[in-house]
Amino acid sequence: MPKRIPVVAILASLMVIPSMVAAQASQTPEEFAVAYMDATRAADWPRVAGLMHPDALQQFKDMFAPIAEVDTTGEVLSNLFGVSSAAAYATTPPDSIYMGFMAAMMNLSPDLAGALSGSTIQPIGHIEEKATELTFIVFRMTMQAESMSISEVNVIPLKKHGGSWKAMLTGEVQGMAEALKKGLGIGM
């Protein structure tokens, strides 16, 4: 006999879900940055991908598509994205490509993963660029690496999607994609 869910539980969940959505919609860019960086520090790539704008995830996948086109063995695709072929790359959702890549980067660089996991962030503020509908969150990130404290100011571009803030790609990510393609002899 199937279990019945009590009506009270259903009603309670119906009241909680709208308040969770409203809380996310009213989140400040600074609050978003803290949540985004908390997920990044925890290497919670599904959560990070969920905080990214769909356009950014698609852009990420498109930036690395040339690698899929030239990797006839599937070795690079497997190591970097967790897919075995150009056909698999083409049909894999952008968030999965992103999550596979981030997990691979942390596995390839345990020192970076350790420094990132122990980092702290302090939001400084944000700047709105009305013409592009982007908001740039400025924050200070402090990391410990080999008994050194490294502190730098960073920026995350944000854009609203469905009433909630979502992260866009940074110039560093775009530069990393170009450097990787160049290292593989693509686009030269």
N, C-alpha and C. Protein backbone atom coordinates (compact mmCIF):
# COMPACT_ATOMS: atom_id res chain seq x y z
N MET A 1 0.84 -1.17 0.00
CA MET A 1 0.00 0.00 0.00
C MET A 1 0.89 1.24 0.00
N PRO A 2 0.68 2.16 -0.94
CA PRO A 2 1.52 3.35 -1.01
C PRO A 2 1.29 4.24 0.21
N LYS A 3 2.38 4.89 0.63
CA LYS A 3 2.27 5.80 1.75
C LYS A 3 1.60 7.08 1.29
N ARG A 4 0.81 7.65 2.18
CA ARG A 4 0.15 8.91 1.88
C ARG A 4 0.91 10.05 2.55
N ILE A 5 1.08 11.10 1.81
CA ILE A 5 1.73 12.28 2.37
C ILE A 5 0.66 13.09 3.07
N PRO A 6 0.89 13.43 4.31
CA PRO A 6 -0.12 14.20 5.03
C PRO A 6 -0.37 15.54 4.35
N VAL A 7 -1.61 15.95 4.38
CA VAL A 7 -2.03 17.21 3.79
C VAL A 7 -1.28 18.37 4.42
N VAL A 8 -1.00 18.29 5.70
CA VAL A 8 -0.28 19.36 6.40
C VAL A 8 1.10 19.53 5.79
N ALA A 9 1.78 18.43 5.46
CA ALA A 9 3.12 18.50 4.87
C ALA A 9 3.06 19.17 3.50
N ILE A 10 2.05 18.85 2.72
CA ILE A 10 1.89 19.46 1.40
C ILE A 10 1.65 20.96 1.53
N LEU A 11 0.76 21.33 2.43
CA LEU A 11 0.47 22.75 2.63
C LEU A 11 1.69 23.51 3.13
N ALA A 12 2.44 22.89 4.03
CA ALA A 12 3.65 23.54 4.55
C ALA A 12 4.66 23.76 3.44
N SER A 13 4.85 22.78 2.56
CA SER A 13 5.81 22.94 1.47
C SER A 13 5.35 24.00 0.48
N LEU A 14 4.06 24.11 0.27
CA LEU A 14 3.54 25.13 -0.64
C LEU A 14 3.75 26.53 -0.08
N MET A 15 3.79 26.65 1.24
CA MET A 15 4.04 27.95 1.85
C MET A 15 5.53 28.27 1.88
N VAL A 16 6.39 27.27 2.04
CA VAL A 16 7.83 27.49 2.13
C VAL A 16 8.44 27.81 0.77
N ILE A 17 8.03 27.10 -0.27
CA ILE A 17 8.63 27.29 -1.60
C ILE A 17 8.51 28.74 -2.08
N PRO A 18 7.33 29.38 -2.03
CA PRO A 18 7.28 30.78 -2.47
C PRO A 18 8.18 31.69 -1.65
N SER A 19 8.33 31.44 -0.34
CA SER A 19 9.19 32.29 0.46
C SER A 19 10.66 32.08 0.09
N MET A 20 11.04 30.85 -0.28
CA MET A 20 12.41 30.59 -0.72
C MET A 20 12.68 31.32 -2.03
N VAL A 21 11.74 31.29 -2.95
CA VAL A 21 11.88 31.98 -4.23
C VAL A 21 11.96 33.48 -4.01
N ALA A 22 11.11 34.00 -3.13
CA ALA A 22 11.13 35.44 -2.84
C ALA A 22 12.45 35.84 -2.21
N ALA A 23 12.98 35.01 -1.31
CA ALA A 23 14.26 35.32 -0.67
C ALA A 23 15.37 35.36 -1.71
N GLN A 24 15.38 34.41 -2.66
CA GLN A 24 16.40 34.41 -3.69
C GLN A 24 16.25 35.62 -4.60
N ALA A 25 15.02 35.99 -4.93
CA ALA A 25 14.78 37.11 -5.82
C ALA A 25 15.21 38.43 -5.18
N SER A 26 15.14 38.52 -3.85
CA SER A 26 15.50 39.77 -3.19
C SER A 26 16.96 39.79 -2.75
N GLN A 27 17.72 38.78 -3.11
CA GLN A 27 19.12 38.68 -2.75
C GLN A 27 19.92 39.82 -3.38
N THR A 28 20.80 40.43 -2.60
CA THR A 28 21.65 41.49 -3.14
C THR A 28 22.79 40.86 -3.94
N PRO A 29 23.43 41.65 -4.81
CA PRO A 29 24.58 41.10 -5.53
C PRO A 29 25.68 40.62 -4.58
N GLU A 30 25.87 41.31 -3.47
CA GLU A 30 26.88 40.91 -2.50
C GLU A 30 26.51 39.58 -1.85
N GLU A 31 25.26 39.39 -1.51
CA GLU A 31 24.80 38.11 -0.94
C GLU A 31 24.97 36.99 -1.95
N PHE A 32 24.67 37.29 -3.21
CA PHE A 32 24.87 36.30 -4.27
C PHE A 32 26.34 35.90 -4.35
N ALA A 33 27.24 36.89 -4.33
CA ALA A 33 28.67 36.61 -4.44
C ALA A 33 29.14 35.69 -3.32
N VAL A 34 28.65 35.92 -2.11
CA VAL A 34 29.04 35.07 -0.98
C VAL A 34 28.54 33.64 -1.22
N ALA A 35 27.29 33.49 -1.66
CA ALA A 35 26.74 32.14 -1.92
C ALA A 35 27.51 31.46 -3.05
N TYR A 36 27.83 32.21 -4.10
CA TYR A 36 28.56 31.68 -5.24
C TYR A 36 29.96 31.23 -4.83
N MET A 37 30.65 32.06 -4.05
CA MET A 37 32.00 31.72 -3.63
C MET A 37 31.99 30.60 -2.58
N ASP A 38 30.96 30.55 -1.74
CA ASP A 38 30.84 29.43 -0.79
C ASP A 38 30.75 28.11 -1.56
N ALA A 39 29.95 28.09 -2.60
CA ALA A 39 29.80 26.88 -3.42
C ALA A 39 31.11 26.55 -4.14
N THR A 40 31.81 27.58 -4.61
CA THR A 40 33.08 27.37 -5.29
C THR A 40 34.13 26.83 -4.32
N ARG A 41 34.21 27.42 -3.14
CA ARG A 41 35.19 26.95 -2.14
C ARG A 41 34.91 25.51 -1.74
N ALA A 42 33.65 25.13 -1.71
CA ALA A 42 33.28 23.76 -1.35
C ALA A 42 33.41 22.79 -2.52
N ALA A 43 33.80 23.31 -3.70
CA ALA A 43 33.90 22.51 -4.93
C ALA A 43 32.56 21.82 -5.20
N ASP A 44 31.49 22.52 -4.91
CA ASP A 44 30.13 22.03 -5.17
C ASP A 44 29.74 22.48 -6.57
N TRP A 45 30.27 21.78 -7.57
CA TRP A 45 30.11 22.23 -8.97
C TRP A 45 28.67 22.20 -9.45
N PRO A 46 27.83 21.26 -9.03
CA PRO A 46 26.42 21.36 -9.42
C PRO A 46 25.77 22.64 -8.89
N ARG A 47 26.11 23.01 -7.65
CA ARG A 47 25.55 24.24 -7.08
C ARG A 47 26.10 25.47 -7.81
N VAL A 48 27.41 25.48 -8.09
CA VAL A 48 28.01 26.60 -8.82
C VAL A 48 27.35 26.73 -10.19
N ALA A 49 27.20 25.61 -10.90
CA ALA A 49 26.57 25.65 -12.23
C ALA A 49 25.13 26.18 -12.13
N GLY A 50 24.43 25.83 -11.07
CA GLY A 50 23.08 26.33 -10.87
C GLY A 50 23.02 27.82 -10.60
N LEU A 51 24.14 28.39 -10.16
CA LEU A 51 24.21 29.82 -9.90
C LEU A 51 24.72 30.61 -11.11
N MET A 52 25.03 29.89 -12.18
CA MET A 52 25.52 30.55 -13.38
C MET A 52 24.37 30.82 -14.35
N HIS A 53 24.51 31.89 -15.10
CA HIS A 53 23.52 32.25 -16.12
C HIS A 53 23.58 31.21 -17.24
N PRO A 54 22.42 30.78 -17.75
CA PRO A 54 22.44 29.80 -18.85
C PRO A 54 23.27 30.26 -20.05
N ASP A 55 23.26 31.56 -20.35
CA ASP A 55 24.07 32.06 -21.46
C ASP A 55 25.56 31.87 -21.19
N ALA A 56 25.97 32.03 -19.93
CA ALA A 56 27.38 31.84 -19.58
C ALA A 56 27.79 30.38 -19.73
N LEU A 57 26.91 29.48 -19.31
CA LEU A 57 27.21 28.05 -19.46
C LEU A 57 27.31 27.66 -20.93
N GLN A 58 26.42 28.20 -21.75
CA GLN A 58 26.48 27.91 -23.19
C GLN A 58 27.75 28.50 -23.80
N GLN A 59 28.10 29.72 -23.38
CA GLN A 59 29.32 30.36 -23.87
C GLN A 59 30.54 29.52 -23.48
N PHE A 60 30.53 29.01 -22.26
CA PHE A 60 31.63 28.15 -21.79
C PHE A 60 31.76 26.94 -22.69
N LYS A 61 30.66 26.27 -22.95
CA LYS A 61 30.69 25.08 -23.81
C LYS A 61 31.17 25.44 -25.21
N ASP A 62 30.67 26.54 -25.75
CA ASP A 62 31.06 26.96 -27.10
C ASP A 62 32.55 27.30 -27.19
N MET A 63 33.12 27.88 -26.13
CA MET A 63 34.54 28.25 -26.15
C MET A 63 35.44 27.03 -26.30
N PHE A 64 35.01 25.91 -25.73
CA PHE A 64 35.83 24.70 -25.77
C PHE A 64 35.44 23.75 -26.90
N ALA A 65 34.40 24.07 -27.65
CA ALA A 65 33.96 23.20 -28.74
C ALA A 65 35.05 22.89 -29.77
N PRO A 66 35.94 23.84 -30.08
CA PRO A 66 37.02 23.50 -31.03
C PRO A 66 37.90 22.34 -30.57
N ILE A 67 38.03 22.16 -29.27
CA ILE A 67 38.81 21.02 -28.77
C ILE A 67 38.11 19.72 -29.15
N ALA A 68 36.80 19.71 -29.01
CA ALA A 68 36.02 18.51 -29.35
C ALA A 68 36.17 18.17 -30.83
N GLU A 69 36.26 19.20 -31.65
CA GLU A 69 36.35 18.99 -33.09
C GLU A 69 37.68 18.35 -33.52
N VAL A 70 38.75 18.58 -32.76
CA VAL A 70 40.06 18.06 -33.18
C VAL A 70 40.54 16.87 -32.36
N ASP A 71 39.88 16.57 -31.25
CA ASP A 71 40.31 15.46 -30.39
C ASP A 71 39.74 14.15 -30.93
N THR A 72 40.47 13.54 -31.85
CA THR A 72 39.98 12.30 -32.49
C THR A 72 40.06 11.08 -31.58
N THR A 73 40.92 11.13 -30.55
CA THR A 73 41.04 9.99 -29.64
C THR A 73 40.05 10.07 -28.48
N GLY A 74 39.56 11.26 -28.19
CA GLY A 74 38.67 11.46 -27.05
C GLY A 74 39.41 11.59 -25.73
N GLU A 75 40.74 11.50 -25.77
CA GLU A 75 41.53 11.55 -24.53
C GLU A 75 41.44 12.90 -23.84
N VAL A 76 41.58 13.98 -24.59
CA VAL A 76 41.51 15.31 -24.00
C VAL A 76 40.09 15.57 -23.49
N LEU A 77 39.11 15.21 -24.28
CA LEU A 77 37.71 15.41 -23.86
C LEU A 77 37.40 14.65 -22.58
N SER A 78 37.89 13.44 -22.50
CA SER A 78 37.66 12.62 -21.30
C SER A 78 38.34 13.23 -20.08
N ASN A 79 39.59 13.67 -20.26
CA ASN A 79 40.34 14.24 -19.14
C ASN A 79 39.80 15.59 -18.68
N LEU A 80 39.32 16.40 -19.61
CA LEU A 80 38.89 17.75 -19.25
C LEU A 80 37.40 17.90 -18.97
N PHE A 81 36.57 17.09 -19.63
CA PHE A 81 35.13 17.31 -19.53
C PHE A 81 34.34 16.07 -19.13
N GLY A 82 35.01 14.92 -19.07
CA GLY A 82 34.32 13.69 -18.70
C GLY A 82 33.43 13.13 -19.79
N VAL A 83 33.70 13.50 -21.05
CA VAL A 83 32.97 12.93 -22.19
C VAL A 83 33.98 12.24 -23.11
N SER A 84 33.51 11.29 -23.90
CA SER A 84 34.45 10.44 -24.65
C SER A 84 34.63 10.79 -26.12
N SER A 85 33.78 11.67 -26.65
CA SER A 85 33.87 11.95 -28.09
C SER A 85 33.25 13.31 -28.41
N ALA A 86 33.51 13.75 -29.63
CA ALA A 86 32.91 15.02 -30.08
C ALA A 86 31.38 14.91 -30.08
N ALA A 87 30.86 13.74 -30.45
CA ALA A 87 29.40 13.55 -30.46
C ALA A 87 28.84 13.65 -29.04
N ALA A 88 29.54 13.05 -28.08
CA ALA A 88 29.09 13.13 -26.68
C ALA A 88 29.18 14.57 -26.18
N TYR A 89 30.25 15.27 -26.56
CA TYR A 89 30.40 16.68 -26.16
C TYR A 89 29.22 17.49 -26.70
N ALA A 90 28.88 17.27 -27.95
CA ALA A 90 27.80 18.04 -28.59
C ALA A 90 26.46 17.84 -27.91
N THR A 91 26.22 16.65 -27.39
CA THR A 91 24.90 16.36 -26.80
C THR A 91 24.86 16.53 -25.28
N THR A 92 26.01 16.78 -24.67
CA THR A 92 26.05 16.96 -23.21
C THR A 92 25.62 18.38 -22.87
N PRO A 93 24.74 18.54 -21.89
CA PRO A 93 24.28 19.89 -21.53
C PRO A 93 25.44 20.77 -21.06
N PRO A 94 25.35 22.07 -21.31
CA PRO A 94 26.44 22.98 -20.93
C PRO A 94 26.81 22.93 -19.45
N ASP A 95 25.83 22.76 -18.55
CA ASP A 95 26.18 22.72 -17.13
C ASP A 95 27.03 21.49 -16.81
N SER A 96 26.78 20.38 -17.47
CA SER A 96 27.57 19.17 -17.25
C SER A 96 29.00 19.33 -17.77
N ILE A 97 29.15 20.02 -18.90
CA ILE A 97 30.49 20.31 -19.44
C ILE A 97 31.25 21.16 -18.43
N TYR A 98 30.60 22.19 -17.91
CA TYR A 98 31.22 23.08 -16.93
C TYR A 98 31.63 22.30 -15.67
N MET A 99 30.72 21.50 -15.14
CA MET A 99 31.00 20.74 -13.91
C MET A 99 32.15 19.77 -14.13
N GLY A 100 32.18 19.10 -15.28
CA GLY A 100 33.26 18.17 -15.58
C GLY A 100 34.60 18.87 -15.65
N PHE A 101 34.61 20.03 -16.28
CA PHE A 101 35.84 20.81 -16.41
C PHE A 101 36.36 21.28 -15.05
N MET A 102 35.48 21.82 -14.23
CA MET A 102 35.90 22.33 -12.93
C MET A 102 36.42 21.20 -12.05
N ALA A 103 35.76 20.07 -12.06
CA ALA A 103 36.24 18.92 -11.28
C ALA A 103 37.62 18.48 -11.78
N ALA A 104 37.81 18.46 -13.10
CA ALA A 104 39.11 18.08 -13.68
C ALA A 104 40.20 19.07 -13.27
N MET A 105 39.89 20.36 -13.30
CA MET A 105 40.89 21.37 -12.92
C MET A 105 41.32 21.21 -11.47
N MET A 106 40.38 20.94 -10.59
CA MET A 106 40.72 20.76 -9.17
C MET A 106 41.52 19.48 -8.96
N ASN A 107 41.21 18.43 -9.73
CA ASN A 107 41.98 17.19 -9.64
C ASN A 107 43.40 17.37 -10.17
N LEU A 108 43.54 18.17 -11.21
CA LEU A 108 44.86 18.41 -11.81
C LEU A 108 45.72 19.33 -10.96
N SER A 109 45.08 20.14 -10.13
CA SER A 109 45.82 21.11 -9.32
C SER A 109 45.35 21.06 -7.87
N PRO A 110 45.79 20.05 -7.13
CA PRO A 110 45.36 19.93 -5.74
C PRO A 110 45.76 21.13 -4.88
N ASP A 111 46.89 21.78 -5.21
CA ASP A 111 47.31 22.97 -4.45
C ASP A 111 46.29 24.09 -4.62
N LEU A 112 45.81 24.28 -5.85
CA LEU A 112 44.79 25.29 -6.10
C LEU A 112 43.51 24.94 -5.36
N ALA A 113 43.12 23.69 -5.42
CA ALA A 113 41.91 23.26 -4.72
C ALA A 113 42.02 23.53 -3.23
N GLY A 114 43.19 23.23 -2.65
CA GLY A 114 43.39 23.48 -1.22
C GLY A 114 43.36 24.96 -0.88
N ALA A 115 44.03 25.77 -1.70
CA ALA A 115 44.04 27.21 -1.47
C ALA A 115 42.64 27.80 -1.60
N LEU A 116 41.91 27.33 -2.60
CA LEU A 116 40.56 27.83 -2.83
C LEU A 116 39.63 27.44 -1.68
N SER A 117 39.75 26.22 -1.22
CA SER A 117 38.85 25.76 -0.16
C SER A 117 39.07 26.54 1.14
N GLY A 118 40.29 27.03 1.36
CA GLY A 118 40.57 27.78 2.57
C GLY A 118 40.49 29.29 2.39
N SER A 119 40.02 29.74 1.24
CA SER A 119 39.98 31.17 0.97
C SER A 119 38.81 31.85 1.70
N THR A 120 38.93 33.14 1.81
CA THR A 120 37.83 33.95 2.36
C THR A 120 37.51 35.06 1.37
N ILE A 121 36.27 35.50 1.39
CA ILE A 121 35.92 36.64 0.53
C ILE A 121 35.23 37.70 1.36
N GLN A 122 35.44 38.92 0.92
CA GLN A 122 34.80 40.07 1.55
C GLN A 122 34.22 40.92 0.43
N PRO A 123 32.90 40.93 0.27
CA PRO A 123 32.31 41.80 -0.75
C PRO A 123 32.62 43.27 -0.45
N ILE A 124 32.95 43.99 -1.50
CA ILE A 124 33.25 45.42 -1.37
C ILE A 124 32.06 46.25 -1.82
N GLY A 125 31.43 45.83 -2.90
CA GLY A 125 30.28 46.55 -3.44
C GLY A 125 29.99 46.09 -4.85
N HIS A 126 29.11 46.81 -5.52
CA HIS A 126 28.79 46.45 -6.90
C HIS A 126 28.58 47.69 -7.74
N ILE A 127 28.72 47.48 -9.04
CA ILE A 127 28.55 48.55 -10.03
C ILE A 127 27.57 48.04 -11.07
N GLU A 128 26.57 48.85 -11.37
CA GLU A 128 25.59 48.46 -12.40
C GLU A 128 25.95 49.13 -13.71
N GLU A 129 25.90 48.34 -14.78
CA GLU A 129 26.13 48.85 -16.13
C GLU A 129 24.81 48.72 -16.87
N LYS A 130 24.05 49.77 -16.89
CA LYS A 130 22.68 49.74 -17.42
C LYS A 130 22.63 49.30 -18.89
N ALA A 131 23.60 49.74 -19.69
CA ALA A 131 23.56 49.45 -21.12
C ALA A 131 23.63 47.95 -21.41
N THR A 132 24.31 47.20 -20.55
CA THR A 132 24.48 45.77 -20.79
C THR A 132 23.61 44.91 -19.87
N GLU A 133 22.94 45.55 -18.92
CA GLU A 133 22.15 44.85 -17.89
C GLU A 133 23.04 43.98 -17.00
N LEU A 134 24.33 44.29 -16.96
CA LEU A 134 25.26 43.56 -16.10
C LEU A 134 25.49 44.33 -14.81
N THR A 135 25.72 43.60 -13.76
CA THR A 135 26.14 44.17 -12.48
C THR A 135 27.44 43.48 -12.14
N PHE A 136 28.42 44.27 -11.74
CA PHE A 136 29.74 43.73 -11.41
C PHE A 136 29.93 43.78 -9.91
N ILE A 137 30.07 42.61 -9.30
CA ILE A 137 30.31 42.54 -7.86
C ILE A 137 31.82 42.56 -7.64
N VAL A 138 32.26 43.47 -6.81
CA VAL A 138 33.68 43.61 -6.49
C VAL A 138 33.89 43.01 -5.10
N PHE A 139 34.90 42.14 -4.98
CA PHE A 139 35.17 41.51 -3.69
C PHE A 139 36.66 41.27 -3.51
N ARG A 140 37.07 41.19 -2.25
CA ARG A 140 38.46 40.85 -1.93
C ARG A 140 38.50 39.38 -1.57
N MET A 141 39.41 38.66 -2.21
CA MET A 141 39.60 37.25 -1.91
C MET A 141 40.98 37.08 -1.30
N THR A 142 41.04 36.36 -0.20
CA THR A 142 42.30 36.08 0.47
C THR A 142 42.49 34.56 0.52
N MET A 143 43.65 34.11 0.03
CA MET A 143 43.97 32.68 0.02
C MET A 143 45.30 32.46 0.73
N GLN A 144 45.43 31.30 1.32
CA GLN A 144 46.69 30.89 1.94
C GLN A 144 47.33 29.87 1.00
N ALA A 145 48.58 30.10 0.65
CA ALA A 145 49.30 29.17 -0.21
C ALA A 145 50.74 29.09 0.27
N GLU A 146 51.15 27.90 0.71
CA GLU A 146 52.52 27.67 1.17
C GLU A 146 52.96 28.74 2.17
N SER A 147 52.24 28.88 3.23
CA SER A 147 52.49 29.82 4.33
C SER A 147 52.49 31.29 3.89
N MET A 148 51.95 31.58 2.73
CA MET A 148 51.80 32.97 2.28
C MET A 148 50.33 33.31 2.23
N SER A 149 50.03 34.55 2.52
CA SER A 149 48.67 35.04 2.39
C SER A 149 48.61 35.89 1.13
N ILE A 150 47.73 35.52 0.23
CA ILE A 150 47.58 36.24 -1.04
C ILE A 150 46.20 36.89 -1.03
N SER A 151 46.18 38.19 -1.19
CA SER A 151 44.92 38.92 -1.19
C SER A 151 44.82 39.70 -2.48
N GLU A 152 43.67 39.59 -3.14
CA GLU A 152 43.48 40.32 -4.39
C GLU A 152 42.02 40.71 -4.54
N VAL A 153 41.81 41.76 -5.29
CA VAL A 153 40.45 42.22 -5.58
C VAL A 153 40.02 41.59 -6.89
N ASN A 154 38.82 41.02 -6.89
CA ASN A 154 38.27 40.36 -8.07
C ASN A 154 36.89 40.92 -8.38
N VAL A 155 36.43 40.59 -9.58
CA VAL A 155 35.13 41.04 -10.04
C VAL A 155 34.39 39.86 -10.65
N ILE A 156 33.12 39.72 -10.33
CA ILE A 156 32.27 38.72 -10.97
C ILE A 156 31.14 39.47 -11.67
N PRO A 157 31.01 39.28 -12.99
CA PRO A 157 29.86 39.89 -13.67
C PRO A 157 28.59 39.07 -13.39
N LEU A 158 27.51 39.76 -13.09
CA LEU A 158 26.23 39.12 -12.81
C LEU A 158 25.17 39.66 -13.76
N LYS A 159 24.16 38.83 -13.99
CA LYS A 159 23.02 39.25 -14.80
C LYS A 159 21.79 38.54 -14.25
N LYS A 160 20.69 39.24 -14.24
CA LYS A 160 19.45 38.65 -13.76
C LYS A 160 18.93 37.62 -14.78
N HIS A 161 18.38 36.54 -14.23
CA HIS A 161 17.72 35.52 -15.04
C HIS A 161 16.58 34.97 -14.21
N GLY A 162 15.37 35.12 -14.71
CA GLY A 162 14.21 34.66 -13.96
C GLY A 162 14.07 35.34 -12.62
N GLY A 163 14.50 36.59 -12.52
CA GLY A 163 14.37 37.34 -11.28
C GLY A 163 15.49 37.11 -10.28
N SER A 164 16.45 36.25 -10.59
CA SER A 164 17.55 35.96 -9.67
C SER A 164 18.88 36.30 -10.32
N TRP A 165 19.84 36.66 -9.48
CA TRP A 165 21.19 36.91 -9.97
C TRP A 165 21.82 35.61 -10.44
N LYS A 166 22.57 35.70 -11.53
CA LYS A 166 23.32 34.57 -12.05
C LYS A 166 24.69 35.09 -12.50
N ALA A 167 25.70 34.27 -12.32
CA ALA A 167 27.07 34.65 -12.68
C ALA A 167 27.30 34.49 -14.19
N MET A 168 28.02 35.44 -14.73
CA MET A 168 28.48 35.37 -16.11
C MET A 168 29.96 34.95 -16.09
N LEU A 169 30.53 34.68 -17.23
CA LEU A 169 31.94 34.29 -17.29
C LEU A 169 32.84 35.51 -17.09
N THR A 170 33.97 35.27 -16.46
CA THR A 170 34.96 36.33 -16.30
C THR A 170 35.94 36.29 -17.45
N GLY A 171 36.70 37.35 -17.61
CA GLY A 171 37.73 37.40 -18.64
C GLY A 171 38.80 36.34 -18.42
N GLU A 172 39.05 35.99 -17.14
CA GLU A 172 40.05 34.96 -16.85
C GLU A 172 39.66 33.62 -17.44
N VAL A 173 38.39 33.28 -17.35
CA VAL A 173 37.91 32.01 -17.89
C VAL A 173 38.06 32.02 -19.41
N GLN A 174 37.72 33.12 -20.03
CA GLN A 174 37.85 33.22 -21.48
C GLN A 174 39.32 33.13 -21.89
N GLY A 175 40.20 33.77 -21.13
CA GLY A 175 41.63 33.70 -21.41
C GLY A 175 42.18 32.29 -21.23
N MET A 176 41.70 31.59 -20.21
CA MET A 176 42.12 30.21 -19.96
C MET A 176 41.73 29.32 -21.13
N ALA A 177 40.52 29.51 -21.66
CA ALA A 177 40.07 28.72 -22.80
C ALA A 177 40.96 28.97 -24.01
N GLU A 178 41.30 30.23 -24.25
CA GLU A 178 42.16 30.57 -25.39
C GLU A 178 43.55 29.98 -25.22
N ALA A 179 44.10 30.05 -23.99
CA ALA A 179 45.43 29.50 -23.73
C ALA A 179 45.44 27.98 -23.93
N LEU A 180 44.40 27.32 -23.48
CA LEU A 180 44.31 25.87 -23.63
C LEU A 180 44.23 25.49 -25.11
N LYS A 181 43.41 26.21 -25.86
CA LYS A 181 43.31 25.92 -27.30
C LYS A 181 44.64 26.17 -27.99
N LYS A 182 45.31 27.25 -27.62
CA LYS A 182 46.62 27.55 -28.22
C LYS A 182 47.63 26.46 -27.88
N GLY A 183 47.61 26.00 -26.62
CA GLY A 183 48.51 24.93 -26.20
C GLY A 183 48.27 23.63 -26.95
N LEU A 184 47.06 23.43 -27.41
CA LEU A 184 46.72 22.24 -28.19
C LEU A 184 46.88 22.47 -29.69
N GLY A 185 47.30 23.69 -30.06
CA GLY A 185 47.51 24.01 -31.47
C GLY A 185 46.22 24.26 -32.23
N ILE A 186 45.19 24.70 -31.53
CA ILE A 186 43.90 24.96 -32.16
C ILE A 186 43.73 26.45 -32.40
N GLY A 187 43.28 26.80 -33.60
CA GLY A 187 42.99 28.19 -33.93
C GLY A 187 44.23 29.00 -34.26
N MET A 188 45.27 28.33 -34.65
CA MET A 188 46.50 29.05 -34.97
C MET A 188 46.62 29.24 -36.47
